[in-house]
C-alpha atoms as a PDB file:
ATOM      1  CA  MET A   1     143.225 153.664 182.769  1.00  0.00           C
ATOM      2  CA  GLN A   2     143.943 153.893 179.059  1.00  0.00           C
ATOM      3  CA  GLY A   3     145.392 157.311 178.303  1.00  0.00           C
ATOM      4  CA  GLY A   4     145.764 157.511 174.554  1.00  0.00           C
ATOM      5  CA  PRO A   5     148.611 155.152 173.601  1.00  0.00           C
ATOM      6  CA  TRP A   6     149.623 154.445 177.215  1.00  0.00           C
ATOM      7  CA  LEU A   7     148.158 152.729 180.247  1.00  0.00           C
ATOM      8  CA  LEU A   8     148.283 155.094 183.200  1.00  0.00           C
ATOM      9  CA  ALA A   9     148.307 153.907 186.798  1.00  0.00           C
ATOM     10  CA  GLY A  10     146.766 155.713 189.739  1.00  0.00           C
ATOM     11  CA  ARG A  11     144.363 155.444 192.640  1.00  0.00           C
ATOM     12  CA  VAL A  12     140.692 156.305 193.071  1.00  0.00           C
ATOM     13  CA  PHE A  13     139.078 157.681 196.227  1.00  0.00           C
ATOM     14  CA  ARG A  14     135.332 158.134 196.666  1.00  0.00           C
ATOM     15  CA  ASN A  15     133.358 160.196 199.112  1.00  0.00           C
ATOM     16  CA  PRO A  16     130.754 158.017 200.895  1.00  0.00           C
ATOM     17  CA  GLN A  17     128.000 160.425 199.844  1.00  0.00           C
ATOM     18  CA  LEU A  18     127.849 160.204 196.064  1.00  0.00           C
ATOM     19  CA  THR A  19     125.022 161.099 193.732  1.00  0.00           C
ATOM     20  CA  ALA A  20     124.566 159.542 190.316  1.00  0.00           C
ATOM     21  CA  HIS A  21     126.654 162.385 188.886  1.00  0.00           C
ATOM     22  CA  PRO A  22     129.517 163.293 191.243  1.00  0.00           C
ATOM     23  CA  HIS A  23     132.227 165.876 190.831  1.00  0.00           C
ATOM     24  CA  LEU A  24     135.391 164.326 189.412  1.00  0.00           C
ATOM     25  CA  ILE A  25     138.725 165.678 190.650  1.00  0.00           C
ATOM     26  CA  LEU A  26     141.867 164.676 188.758  1.00  0.00           C
ATOM     27  CA  VAL A  27     145.110 165.177 190.691  1.00  0.00           C
ATOM     28  CA  LEU A  28     148.491 165.450 188.927  1.00  0.00           C
ATOM     29  CA  HIS A  29     151.779 165.269 190.823  1.00  0.00           C
ATOM     30  CA  GLY A  30     154.900 167.298 190.152  1.00  0.00           C
ATOM     31  CA  ASP A  31     158.103 166.382 188.327  1.00  0.00           C
ATOM     32  CA  ALA A  32     159.483 164.515 191.372  1.00  0.00           C
ATOM     33  CA  PRO A  33     163.096 164.223 190.167  1.00  0.00           C
ATOM     34  CA  PHE A  34     164.363 162.408 193.247  1.00  0.00           C
ATOM     35  CA  VAL A  35     161.429 160.302 194.506  1.00  0.00           C
ATOM     36  CA  ASN A  36     158.661 158.031 193.271  1.00  0.00           C
ATOM     37  CA  PRO A  37     155.664 160.224 194.103  1.00  0.00           C
ATOM     38  CA  THR A  38     152.814 159.214 196.382  1.00  0.00           C
ATOM     39  CA  TYR A  39     151.776 162.536 197.924  1.00  0.00           C
ATOM     40  CA  GLN A  40     149.162 162.958 195.183  1.00  0.00           C
ATOM     41  CA  TYR A  41     147.341 159.969 196.661  1.00  0.00           C
ATOM     42  CA  VAL A  42     147.331 161.597 200.094  1.00  0.00           C
ATOM     43  CA  PHE A  43     145.803 164.735 198.628  1.00  0.00           C
ATOM     44  CA  ALA A  44     143.184 162.856 196.600  1.00  0.00           C
ATOM     45  CA  GLU A  45     142.152 160.794 199.621  1.00  0.00           C
ATOM     46  CA  SER A  46     141.887 163.931 201.752  1.00  0.00           C
ATOM     47  CA  ALA A  47     139.765 165.614 199.089  1.00  0.00           C
ATOM     48  CA  ALA A  48     137.407 162.653 198.861  1.00  0.00           C
ATOM     49  CA  GLN A  49     137.026 162.574 202.646  1.00  0.00           C
ATOM     50  CA  ALA A  50     136.505 166.305 203.037  1.00  0.00           C
ATOM     51  CA  LEU A  51     134.259 167.082 200.079  1.00  0.00           C
ATOM     52  CA  GLN A  52     130.830 165.565 199.488  1.00  0.00           C
ATOM     53  CA  ASN A  53     129.835 164.023 196.176  1.00  0.00           C
ATOM     54  CA  VAL A  54     133.451 163.770 194.991  1.00  0.00           C
ATOM     55  CA  VAL A  55     135.416 161.080 193.208  1.00  0.00           C
ATOM     56  CA  ALA A  56     139.118 161.980 193.378  1.00  0.00           C
ATOM     57  CA  VAL A  57     141.555 160.247 191.040  1.00  0.00           C
ATOM     58  CA  ALA A  58     145.313 160.693 191.418  1.00  0.00           C
ATOM     59  CA  LEU A  59     147.096 159.677 188.225  1.00  0.00           C
ATOM     60  CA  LEU A  60     150.730 158.772 187.779  1.00  0.00           C
ATOM     61  CA  ARG A  61     151.994 160.872 184.912  1.00  0.00           C
ATOM     62  CA  PRO A  62     153.412 158.988 181.901  1.00  0.00           C
ATOM     63  CA  GLY A  63     156.659 157.176 182.670  1.00  0.00           C
ATOM     64  CA  TYR A  64     156.411 157.606 186.436  1.00  0.00           C
ATOM     65  CA  ARG A  65     156.496 154.918 189.113  1.00  0.00           C
ATOM     66  CA  ASP A  66     155.093 155.317 192.611  1.00  0.00           C
ATOM     67  CA  ALA A  67     156.546 154.063 195.897  1.00  0.00           C
ATOM     68  CA  GLN A  68     154.358 150.929 195.722  1.00  0.00           C
ATOM     69  CA  GLY A  69     155.856 149.903 192.379  1.00  0.00           C
ATOM     70  CA  GLU A  70     152.911 150.835 190.158  1.00  0.00           C
ATOM     71  CA  ARG A  71     153.999 152.436 186.892  1.00  0.00           C
ATOM     72  CA  SER A  72     152.445 154.362 184.043  1.00  0.00           C
ATOM     73  CA  GLN A  73     153.607 153.608 180.539  1.00  0.00           C
ATOM     74  CA  GLY A  74     155.534 156.205 178.586  1.00  0.00           C
ATOM     75  CA  SER A  75     158.751 158.113 179.214  1.00  0.00           C
ATOM     76  CA  ARG A  76     159.443 160.094 182.364  1.00  0.00           C
ATOM     77  CA  GLY A  77     162.131 162.191 180.700  1.00  0.00           C
ATOM     78  CA  LEU A  78     164.788 164.148 182.580  1.00  0.00           C
ATOM     79  CA  THR A  79     162.314 165.896 184.936  1.00  0.00           C
ATOM     80  CA  THR A  80     163.711 169.303 183.974  1.00  0.00           C
ATOM     81  CA  ALA A  81     160.353 170.638 182.771  1.00  0.00           C
ATOM     82  CA  ASP A  82     161.014 168.603 179.643  1.00  0.00           C
ATOM     83  CA  ASN A  83     157.952 166.367 179.981  1.00  0.00           C
ATOM     84  CA  TYR A  84     155.037 168.780 179.483  1.00  0.00           C
ATOM     85  CA  THR A  85     154.865 167.645 175.871  1.00  0.00           C
ATOM     86  CA  SER A  86     151.905 167.159 173.569  1.00  0.00           C
ATOM     87  CA  ASP A  87     152.005 163.344 173.729  1.00  0.00           C
ATOM     88  CA  ARG A  88     151.876 163.335 177.539  1.00  0.00           C
ATOM     89  CA  ILE A  89     149.161 165.987 177.597  1.00  0.00           C
ATOM     90  CA  VAL A  90     147.092 164.023 175.063  1.00  0.00           C
ATOM     91  CA  SER A  91     147.486 160.885 177.195  1.00  0.00           C
ATOM     92  CA  ILE A  92     146.341 162.542 180.419  1.00  0.00           C
ATOM     93  CA  ALA A  93     143.465 164.352 178.712  1.00  0.00           C
ATOM     94  CA  ALA A  94     142.267 161.069 177.164  1.00  0.00           C
ATOM     95  CA  ALA A  95     142.360 159.396 180.575  1.00  0.00           C
ATOM     96  CA  ALA A  96     140.435 162.316 182.074  1.00  0.00           C
ATOM     97  CA  ARG A  97     137.746 162.050 179.408  1.00  0.00           C
ATOM     98  CA  SER A  98     137.397 158.309 180.038  1.00  0.00           C
ATOM     99  CA  LEU A  99     137.177 158.869 183.797  1.00  0.00           C
ATOM    100  CA  VAL A 100     134.402 161.431 183.340  1.00  0.00           C
ATOM    101  CA  ALA A 101     132.461 158.815 181.377  1.00  0.00           C
ATOM    102  CA  ARG A 102     133.249 155.976 183.789  1.00  0.00           C
ATOM    103  CA  TYR A 103     131.950 157.835 186.845  1.00  0.00           C
ATOM    104  CA  HIS A 104     129.165 159.727 185.016  1.00  0.00           C
ATOM    105  CA  ALA A 105     130.692 162.887 186.424  1.00  0.00           C
ATOM    106  CA  SER A 106     128.790 166.153 186.346  1.00  0.00           C
ATOM    107  CA  ASP A 107     132.030 168.064 185.818  1.00  0.00           C
ATOM    108  CA  LEU A 108     135.814 167.817 186.006  1.00  0.00           C
ATOM    109  CA  THR A 109     138.184 169.777 188.209  1.00  0.00           C
ATOM    110  CA  LEU A 110     141.921 169.570 187.549  1.00  0.00           C
ATOM    111  CA  VAL A 111     144.347 169.831 190.461  1.00  0.00           C
ATOM    112  CA  GLY A 112     148.033 170.048 189.680  1.00  0.00           C
ATOM    113  CA  HIS A 113     151.135 170.578 191.750  1.00  0.00           C
ATOM    114  CA  SER A 114     154.351 171.978 190.264  1.00  0.00           C
ATOM    115  CA  GLY A 115     154.900 170.311 186.867  1.00  0.00           C
ATOM    116  CA  GLY A 116     151.462 168.736 187.226  1.00  0.00           C
ATOM    117  CA  SER A 117     149.943 172.213 187.398  1.00  0.00           C
ATOM    118  CA  ALA A 118     151.718 173.196 184.171  1.00  0.00           C
ATOM    119  CA  ILE A 119     150.225 170.130 182.495  1.00  0.00           C
ATOM    120  CA  ALA A 120     146.802 170.942 183.962  1.00  0.00           C
ATOM    121  CA  ALA A 121     147.044 174.458 182.526  1.00  0.00           C
ATOM    122  CA  ASP A 122     148.083 173.022 179.172  1.00  0.00           C
ATOM    123  CA  ILE A 123     145.000 170.778 179.219  1.00  0.00           C
ATOM    124  CA  LEU A 124     142.800 173.827 179.841  1.00  0.00           C
ATOM    125  CA  GLU A 125     144.341 175.465 176.802  1.00  0.00           C
ATOM    126  CA  LEU A 126     144.308 172.500 174.434  1.00  0.00           C
ATOM    127  CA  TYR A 127     140.965 171.017 175.581  1.00  0.00           C
ATOM    128  CA  PRO A 128     138.957 174.075 176.637  1.00  0.00           C
ATOM    129  CA  HIS A 129     135.685 172.187 177.142  1.00  0.00           C
ATOM    130  CA  LEU A 130     137.050 169.274 179.176  1.00  0.00           C
ATOM    131  CA  ALA A 131     137.327 170.817 182.663  1.00  0.00           C
ATOM    132  CA  ALA A 132     135.149 173.340 184.443  1.00  0.00           C
ATOM    133  CA  ARG A 133     137.691 174.313 187.111  1.00  0.00           C
ATOM    134  CA  ALA A 134     141.364 174.073 187.974  1.00  0.00           C
ATOM    135  CA  LEU A 135     143.489 174.449 191.082  1.00  0.00           C
ATOM    136  CA  LEU A 136     147.100 175.174 190.141  1.00  0.00           C
ATOM    137  CA  VAL A 137     149.624 174.878 192.973  1.00  0.00           C
ATOM    138  CA  SER A 138     153.283 175.982 192.783  1.00  0.00           C
ATOM    139  CA  CYS A 139     152.976 176.392 189.027  1.00  0.00           C
ATOM    140  CA  PRO A 140     155.989 176.782 186.707  1.00  0.00           C
ATOM    141  CA  CYS A 141     153.572 178.282 184.203  1.00  0.00           C
ATOM    142  CA  ASP A 142     156.312 180.000 182.220  1.00  0.00           C
ATOM    143  CA  VAL A 143     158.561 177.095 181.246  1.00  0.00           C
ATOM    144  CA  ALA A 144     161.377 179.205 179.807  1.00  0.00           C
ATOM    145  CA  ALA A 145     161.530 181.495 182.852  1.00  0.00           C
ATOM    146  CA  PHE A 146     161.311 178.512 185.207  1.00  0.00           C
ATOM    147  CA  ARG A 147     164.129 176.633 183.497  1.00  0.00           C
ATOM    148  CA  TRP A 148     166.357 179.699 183.410  1.00  0.00           C
ATOM    149  CA  SER A 149     165.712 180.270 187.116  1.00  0.00           C
ATOM    150  CA  MET A 150     166.612 176.647 187.873  1.00  0.00           C
ATOM    151  CA  PHE A 151     169.786 176.920 185.805  1.00  0.00           C
ATOM    152  CA  LYS A 152     170.880 180.004 187.741  1.00  0.00           C
ATOM    153  CA  SER A 153     170.091 178.206 191.002  1.00  0.00           C
ATOM    154  CA  GLN A 154     171.869 174.919 190.207  1.00  0.00           C
ATOM    155  CA  TRP A 155     174.328 175.855 187.441  1.00  0.00           C
ATOM    156  CA  ASN A 156     173.414 172.563 185.819  1.00  0.00           C
ATOM    157  CA  PRO A 157     173.666 172.666 181.994  1.00  0.00           C
ATOM    158  CA  MET A 158     170.808 170.152 181.724  1.00  0.00           C
ATOM    159  CA  TRP A 159     168.457 173.109 182.234  1.00  0.00           C
ATOM    160  CA  LEU A 160     169.786 174.676 179.025  1.00  0.00           C
ATOM    161  CA  LEU A 161     168.991 171.708 176.800  1.00  0.00           C
ATOM    162  CA  PRO A 162     166.158 172.398 174.324  1.00  0.00           C
ATOM    163  CA  VAL A 163     162.793 170.902 175.259  1.00  0.00           C
ATOM    164  CA  ALA A 164     159.474 170.335 173.498  1.00  0.00           C
ATOM    165  CA  SER A 165     157.360 171.217 176.530  1.00  0.00           C
ATOM    166  CA  ILE A 166     154.293 173.371 176.030  1.00  0.00           C
ATOM    167  CA  SER A 167     154.505 176.473 178.197  1.00  0.00           C
ATOM    168  CA  PRO A 168     151.113 177.580 179.572  1.00  0.00           C
ATOM    169  CA  ILE A 169     152.008 181.281 179.469  1.00  0.00           C
ATOM    170  CA  ASP A 170     152.454 181.049 175.691  1.00  0.00           C
ATOM    171  CA  HIS A 171     148.890 179.865 175.067  1.00  0.00           C
ATOM    172  CA  VAL A 172     146.942 181.536 177.844  1.00  0.00           C
ATOM    173  CA  SER A 173     144.621 183.166 175.315  1.00  0.00           C
ATOM    174  CA  SER A 174     143.174 179.722 174.541  1.00  0.00           C
ATOM    175  CA  ILE A 175     141.660 179.333 178.034  1.00  0.00           C
ATOM    176  CA  PRO A 176     137.950 180.190 177.831  1.00  0.00           C
ATOM    177  CA  ARG A 177     136.398 182.593 180.321  1.00  0.00           C
ATOM    178  CA  HIS A 178     133.971 180.012 181.692  1.00  0.00           C
ATOM    179  CA  ILE A 179     136.774 178.068 183.432  1.00  0.00           C
ATOM    180  CA  VAL A 180     137.276 179.037 187.089  1.00  0.00           C
ATOM    181  CA  ILE A 181     140.901 178.943 188.226  1.00  0.00           C
ATOM    182  CA  ARG A 182     142.488 179.233 191.646  1.00  0.00           C
ATOM    183  CA  MET A 183     146.239 179.346 192.140  1.00  0.00           C
ATOM    184  CA  VAL A 184     148.262 178.766 195.317  1.00  0.00           C
ATOM    185  CA  THR A 185     151.909 179.690 195.747  1.00  0.00           C
ATOM    186  CA  GLY A 186     154.329 179.776 198.650  1.00  0.00           C
ATOM    187  CA  SER A 187     155.961 183.123 199.330  1.00  0.00           C
ATOM    188  CA  ALA A 188     159.268 181.320 200.012  1.00  0.00           C
ATOM    189  CA  ASP A 189     159.126 179.006 196.979  1.00  0.00           C
ATOM    190  CA  ASP A 190     162.595 178.986 195.417  1.00  0.00           C
ATOM    191  CA  ILE A 191     161.680 176.287 192.856  1.00  0.00           C
ATOM    192  CA  ALA A 192     158.687 177.899 191.156  1.00  0.00           C
ATOM    193  CA  PRO A 193     158.889 181.463 192.470  1.00  0.00           C
ATOM    194  CA  PRO A 194     155.616 183.291 193.149  1.00  0.00           C
ATOM    195  CA  ALA A 195     156.327 185.671 190.273  1.00  0.00           C
ATOM    196  CA  LEU A 196     155.557 182.828 187.827  1.00  0.00           C
ATOM    197  CA  THR A 197     152.130 182.329 189.396  1.00  0.00           C
ATOM    198  CA  PHE A 198     151.303 186.036 189.496  1.00  0.00           C
ATOM    199  CA  ALA A 199     152.371 186.541 185.879  1.00  0.00           C
ATOM    200  CA  PHE A 200     150.106 183.731 184.688  1.00  0.00           C
ATOM    201  CA  ALA A 201     147.213 184.977 186.801  1.00  0.00           C
ATOM    202  CA  SER A 202     147.672 188.488 185.397  1.00  0.00           C
ATOM    203  CA  ALA A 203     147.492 187.149 181.849  1.00  0.00           C
ATOM    204  CA  LEU A 204     144.307 185.245 182.723  1.00  0.00           C
ATOM    205  CA  LYS A 205     142.711 188.336 184.272  1.00  0.00           C
ATOM    206  CA  GLN A 206     143.436 190.346 181.153  1.00  0.00           C
ATOM    207  CA  LYS A 207     141.418 187.770 179.238  1.00  0.00           C
ATOM    208  CA  GLY A 208     138.525 187.984 181.698  1.00  0.00           C
ATOM    209  CA  VAL A 209     139.031 184.585 183.349  1.00  0.00           C
ATOM    210  CA  ASP A 210     137.862 184.174 186.965  1.00  0.00           C
ATOM    211  CA  VAL A 211     141.238 183.599 188.653  1.00  0.00           C
ATOM    212  CA  ARG A 212     142.481 184.260 192.184  1.00  0.00           C
ATOM    213  CA  VAL A 213     145.881 183.741 193.761  1.00  0.00           C
ATOM    214  CA  ILE A 214     146.479 182.696 197.351  1.00  0.00           C
ATOM    215  CA  GLU A 215     150.021 183.213 198.607  1.00  0.00           C
ATOM    216  CA  LEU A 216     150.969 181.158 201.665  1.00  0.00           C
ATOM    217  CA  LYS A 217     153.337 183.174 203.815  1.00  0.00           C
ATOM    218  CA  ASN A 218     156.759 181.638 204.484  1.00  0.00           C
ATOM    219  CA  LYS A 219     155.836 178.422 202.664  1.00  0.00           C
ATOM    220  CA  GLY A 220     158.042 176.811 200.043  1.00  0.00           C
ATOM    221  CA  HIS A 221     157.389 174.595 197.043  1.00  0.00           C
ATOM    222  CA  GLU A 222     155.935 171.458 198.643  1.00  0.00           C
ATOM    223  CA  ILE A 223     152.587 172.874 199.691  1.00  0.00           C
ATOM    224  CA  LEU A 224     149.987 170.599 198.082  1.00  0.00           C
ATOM    225  CA  LEU A 225     149.183 168.991 201.444  1.00  0.00           C
ATOM    226  CA  GLU A 226     148.751 172.290 203.266  1.00  0.00           C
ATOM    227  CA  PRO A 227     145.212 172.643 204.723  1.00  0.00           C
ATOM    228  CA  ALA A 228     144.792 175.914 202.839  1.00  0.00           C
ATOM    229  CA  VAL A 229     144.956 174.034 199.534  1.00  0.00           C
ATOM    230  CA  ILE A 230     142.019 171.766 200.418  1.00  0.00           C
ATOM    231  CA  ASP A 231     140.189 174.903 201.572  1.00  0.00           C
ATOM    232  CA  GLN A 232     140.741 176.440 198.148  1.00  0.00           C
ATOM    233  CA  LEU A 233     139.513 173.286 196.455  1.00  0.00           C
ATOM    234  CA  ARG A 234     136.341 173.404 198.540  1.00  0.00           C
ATOM    235  CA  ALA A 235     135.764 177.039 197.611  1.00  0.00           C
ATOM    236  CA  LEU A 236     136.488 176.244 193.972  1.00  0.00           C
ATOM    237  CA  LEU A 237     133.837 173.510 193.878  1.00  0.00           C
ATOM    238  CA  ASP A 238     131.355 175.951 195.410  1.00  0.00           C
ATOM    239  CA  ALA A 239     132.127 178.621 192.812  1.00  0.00           C
ATOM    240  CA  LYS A 240     129.576 178.790 190.021  1.00  0.00           C
ATOM    241  CA  PRO A 241     131.282 178.948 186.623  1.00  0.00           C
ATOM    242  CA  PRO A 242     130.170 181.812 184.379  1.00  0.00           C
ATOM    243  CA  ALA A 243     128.284 181.044 181.213  1.00  0.00           C
ATOM    244  CA  ALA A 244     130.324 179.291 178.527  1.00  0.00           C
ATOM    245  CA  ASP A 245     131.870 181.428 175.804  1.00  0.00           C
END
């Protein structure tokens, strides 16, 4: 899929029961510093199997390679929350727009895990009429706070290097009230602590956005494949968005 200046790889999964205008779900993986990610495909396939009238597309973020050797063009960066930049966001948003047209989708729902959820939130802010819903899982929605927390955890000076990433918490006022957002966090997440999720949700609520947080007890960071996340996606698709601003 052409995503702005880059070709982005990924996989498409379709529910057997599709109308002429299905729901499109776009799944974005996390920063994956130590592996070539494939879990986003597992989630997208599960979503397409479990939810009627759904086309689920799991994209490889710019510069990433999956375990099968497929690769998206662009630069992966250092994977220290340094790759939530405008060029990557523009690329993914362009791909999303093309996918909506390709599948004649009735609407778009963004699903992001970890760094992918930060990018999904950035897309909501920069392209407020592109998606109707979003499911943000294990979100480092405050990039500065996240990077400082990681530095204190690892004592790695890489986390102190300046980055050009767009932090969702800094632009939360740009998210329109008609977008429905659900957030899932693990109570034992020591990568993106729950406080980051609750702070972002609080800022959304102050703006009047329909947002709810589900905290999974004793769960850590890698929770995208938890059954409760698919349950939240199902409930999200059933939620009727309020009237557009």
